[in-house]
Amino acid sequence: MSTTSVGRGGEARAEAYLTERGYQLLRRNYRSGPREIDLIMQDGEVLVFVEVKARSKTRYGMPGEFVTPAKRRLLTLAAEAYLMEEGLPDVPARFDVVEVYLGTDKIRHIENAFDAT
């Protein structure tokens, strides 16, 4: 199985998980140049930029630990581009990480995982 198909499967599970909890999907796989946001969702009045990390093993760390400072910076730049494109410069927003543990039913949702950098 390719890493792309694993990633898309993890994103689908994360989307279903968040939707079941009342989040509304706005965009999947938003791209701004080389930067990508896996899911953009609405949680009440808050816009949520979601990074999904799917892993089958945790030997080298928990999935969320792979959201490095460089990745956070790229996500911040993509989120800024989205907000500008949509004309939403002052909307409340946050960054969440959803860890999907492949081969299990386990999902861990980390709300407000990091601040814009």
C-alpha atoms as a PDB file:
ATOM      1  CA  MET A   1       0.000   0.000   0.000  1.00  0.00           C
ATOM      2  CA  SER A   2       1.430   3.404  -0.953  1.00  0.00           C
ATOM      3  CA  THR A   3       2.017   6.162   1.573  1.00  0.00           C
ATOM      4  CA  THR A   4      -0.511   8.295  -0.331  1.00  0.00           C
ATOM      5  CA  SER A   5      -3.275   5.694   0.053  1.00  0.00           C
ATOM      6  CA  VAL A   6      -2.375   5.203   3.731  1.00  0.00           C
ATOM      7  CA  GLY A   7      -2.516   8.961   4.232  1.00  0.00           C
ATOM      8  CA  ARG A   8      -5.849   9.325   2.450  1.00  0.00           C
ATOM      9  CA  GLY A   9      -7.287   6.450   4.498  1.00  0.00           C
ATOM     10  CA  GLY A  10      -6.133   8.151   7.690  1.00  0.00           C
ATOM     11  CA  GLU A  11      -7.647  11.435   6.542  1.00  0.00           C
ATOM     12  CA  ALA A  12     -10.986   9.723   5.812  1.00  0.00           C
ATOM     13  CA  ARG A  13     -11.028   8.199   9.299  1.00  0.00           C
ATOM     14  CA  ALA A  14     -10.133  11.547  10.890  1.00  0.00           C
ATOM     15  CA  GLU A  15     -12.839  13.315   8.893  1.00  0.00           C
ATOM     16  CA  ALA A  16     -15.465  10.766   9.949  1.00  0.00           C
ATOM     17  CA  TYR A  17     -14.339  11.041  13.578  1.00  0.00           C
ATOM     18  CA  LEU A  18     -14.599  14.838  13.595  1.00  0.00           C
ATOM     19  CA  THR A  19     -17.892  14.871  11.677  1.00  0.00           C
ATOM     20  CA  GLU A  20     -19.406  12.513  14.253  1.00  0.00           C
ATOM     21  CA  ARG A  21     -18.453  15.098  16.867  1.00  0.00           C
ATOM     22  CA  GLY A  22     -20.260  17.926  15.103  1.00  0.00           C
ATOM     23  CA  TYR A  23     -17.499  19.417  12.969  1.00  0.00           C
ATOM     24  CA  GLN A  24     -18.423  20.476   9.440  1.00  0.00           C
ATOM     25  CA  LEU A  25     -16.046  19.774   6.556  1.00  0.00           C
ATOM     26  CA  LEU A  26     -15.160  22.826   4.471  1.00  0.00           C
ATOM     27  CA  ARG A  27     -12.194  21.551   2.400  1.00  0.00           C
ATOM     28  CA  ARG A  28     -10.055  18.458   1.917  1.00  0.00           C
ATOM     29  CA  ASN A  29      -6.410  18.649   0.898  1.00  0.00           C
ATOM     30  CA  TYR A  30      -6.239  22.413   0.448  1.00  0.00           C
ATOM     31  CA  ARG A  31      -3.075  23.400  -1.417  1.00  0.00           C
ATOM     32  CA  SER A  32      -1.218  26.673  -1.525  1.00  0.00           C
ATOM     33  CA  GLY A  33       1.856  26.118  -3.653  1.00  0.00           C
ATOM     34  CA  PRO A  34       3.801  23.234  -2.109  1.00  0.00           C
ATOM     35  CA  ARG A  35       1.928  23.538   1.198  1.00  0.00           C
ATOM     36  CA  GLU A  36      -1.109  21.414   2.078  1.00  0.00           C
ATOM     37  CA  ILE A  37      -3.699  21.291   4.833  1.00  0.00           C
ATOM     38  CA  ASP A  38      -5.318  17.872   5.179  1.00  0.00           C
ATOM     39  CA  LEU A  39      -8.731  19.033   6.412  1.00  0.00           C
ATOM     40  CA  ILE A  40     -10.326  22.408   7.008  1.00  0.00           C
ATOM     41  CA  MET A  41     -13.330  22.118   9.274  1.00  0.00           C
ATOM     42  CA  GLN A  42     -15.764  24.319  11.165  1.00  0.00           C
ATOM     43  CA  ASP A  43     -16.244  23.800  14.914  1.00  0.00           C
ATOM     44  CA  GLY A  44     -18.985  26.217  15.893  1.00  0.00           C
ATOM     45  CA  GLU A  45     -17.579  29.669  15.182  1.00  0.00           C
ATOM     46  CA  VAL A  46     -13.986  28.415  14.945  1.00  0.00           C
ATOM     47  CA  LEU A  47     -12.208  27.468  11.725  1.00  0.00           C
ATOM     48  CA  VAL A  48     -10.036  24.401  12.331  1.00  0.00           C
ATOM     49  CA  PHE A  49      -6.990  23.508  10.250  1.00  0.00           C
ATOM     50  CA  VAL A  50      -6.395  19.796  10.778  1.00  0.00           C
ATOM     51  CA  GLU A  51      -3.166  17.901  10.229  1.00  0.00           C
ATOM     52  CA  VAL A  52      -3.714  14.132  10.140  1.00  0.00           C
ATOM     53  CA  LYS A  53      -0.925  11.753  11.069  1.00  0.00           C
ATOM     54  CA  ALA A  54      -1.566   8.052  10.467  1.00  0.00           C
ATOM     55  CA  ARG A  55       0.873   5.445  11.750  1.00  0.00           C
ATOM     56  CA  SER A  56       0.797   1.717  12.268  1.00  0.00           C
ATOM     57  CA  LYS A  57       3.675   1.705  14.774  1.00  0.00           C
ATOM     58  CA  THR A  58       4.849   4.064  17.455  1.00  0.00           C
ATOM     59  CA  ARG A  59       8.363   2.696  17.808  1.00  0.00           C
ATOM     60  CA  TYR A  60       9.842   5.999  16.593  1.00  0.00           C
ATOM     61  CA  GLY A  61       7.352   8.272  18.324  1.00  0.00           C
ATOM     62  CA  MET A  62       3.711   9.172  18.496  1.00  0.00           C
ATOM     63  CA  PRO A  63       2.152  10.332  15.219  1.00  0.00           C
ATOM     64  CA  GLY A  64       1.712  13.921  16.396  1.00  0.00           C
ATOM     65  CA  GLU A  65       5.434  14.181  17.120  1.00  0.00           C
ATOM     66  CA  PHE A  66       5.994  14.190  13.356  1.00  0.00           C
ATOM     67  CA  VAL A  67       4.391  17.635  13.122  1.00  0.00           C
ATOM     68  CA  THR A  68       7.770  19.323  13.326  1.00  0.00           C
ATOM     69  CA  PRO A  69       8.423  23.053  13.683  1.00  0.00           C
ATOM     70  CA  ALA A  70       9.078  23.191   9.913  1.00  0.00           C
ATOM     71  CA  LYS A  71       5.749  21.447   9.220  1.00  0.00           C
ATOM     72  CA  ARG A  72       3.950  23.813  11.603  1.00  0.00           C
ATOM     73  CA  ARG A  73       5.402  26.769   9.692  1.00  0.00           C
ATOM     74  CA  LEU A  74       4.199  25.343   6.359  1.00  0.00           C
ATOM     75  CA  LEU A  75       0.726  24.736   7.826  1.00  0.00           C
ATOM     76  CA  THR A  76       0.643  28.300   9.140  1.00  0.00           C
ATOM     77  CA  LEU A  77       1.539  29.708   5.713  1.00  0.00           C
ATOM     78  CA  ALA A  78      -1.122  27.554   4.015  1.00  0.00           C
ATOM     79  CA  ALA A  79      -3.722  28.612   6.597  1.00  0.00           C
ATOM     80  CA  GLU A  80      -2.863  32.282   6.042  1.00  0.00           C
ATOM     81  CA  ALA A  81      -3.284  31.795   2.289  1.00  0.00           C
ATOM     82  CA  TYR A  82      -6.671  30.109   2.794  1.00  0.00           C
ATOM     83  CA  LEU A  83      -7.900  32.884   5.090  1.00  0.00           C
ATOM     84  CA  MET A  84      -6.852  35.522   2.555  1.00  0.00           C
ATOM     85  CA  GLU A  85      -8.435  33.668  -0.393  1.00  0.00           C
ATOM     86  CA  GLU A  86     -11.702  33.295   1.493  1.00  0.00           C
ATOM     87  CA  GLY A  87     -11.684  36.874   2.816  1.00  0.00           C
ATOM     88  CA  LEU A  88     -11.618  35.703   6.436  1.00  0.00           C
ATOM     89  CA  PRO A  89      -8.685  37.566   8.003  1.00  0.00           C
ATOM     90  CA  ASP A  90     -10.302  37.958  11.449  1.00  0.00           C
ATOM     91  CA  VAL A  91     -12.126  34.650  11.902  1.00  0.00           C
ATOM     92  CA  PRO A  92     -11.184  32.667  15.025  1.00  0.00           C
ATOM     93  CA  ALA A  93      -9.029  29.712  13.986  1.00  0.00           C
ATOM     94  CA  ARG A  94      -6.886  26.988  15.476  1.00  0.00           C
ATOM     95  CA  PHE A  95      -4.621  24.111  14.472  1.00  0.00           C
ATOM     96  CA  ASP A  96      -5.562  20.568  15.514  1.00  0.00           C
ATOM     97  CA  VAL A  97      -3.715  17.306  15.003  1.00  0.00           C
ATOM     98  CA  VAL A  98      -5.533  14.005  14.635  1.00  0.00           C
ATOM     99  CA  GLU A  99      -3.489  10.870  15.237  1.00  0.00           C
ATOM    100  CA  VAL A 100      -4.856   7.781  13.490  1.00  0.00           C
ATOM    101  CA  TYR A 101      -3.488   4.446  14.669  1.00  0.00           C
ATOM    102  CA  LEU A 102      -3.673   2.078  11.711  1.00  0.00           C
ATOM    103  CA  GLY A 103      -4.793  -1.474  12.367  1.00  0.00           C
ATOM    104  CA  THR A 104      -6.790  -0.313  15.399  1.00  0.00           C
ATOM    105  CA  ASP A 105      -9.876   1.765  16.125  1.00  0.00           C
ATOM    106  CA  LYS A 106      -7.808   4.281  18.076  1.00  0.00           C
ATOM    107  CA  ILE A 107      -7.875   7.949  17.131  1.00  0.00           C
ATOM    108  CA  ARG A 108      -6.456  10.753  19.250  1.00  0.00           C
ATOM    109  CA  HIS A 109      -7.633  14.312  18.627  1.00  0.00           C
ATOM    110  CA  ILE A 110      -5.306  17.050  19.880  1.00  0.00           C
ATOM    111  CA  GLU A 111      -7.233  20.322  19.885  1.00  0.00           C
ATOM    112  CA  ASN A 112      -5.242  23.542  19.581  1.00  0.00           C
ATOM    113  CA  ALA A 113      -2.102  21.454  19.070  1.00  0.00           C
ATOM    114  CA  PHE A 114       0.096  24.449  18.273  1.00  0.00           C
ATOM    115  CA  ASP A 115      -0.002  28.191  17.696  1.00  0.00           C
ATOM    116  CA  ALA A 116       0.581  29.834  14.335  1.00  0.00           C
ATOM    117  CA  THR A 117       4.284  30.350  13.744  1.00  0.00           C
END
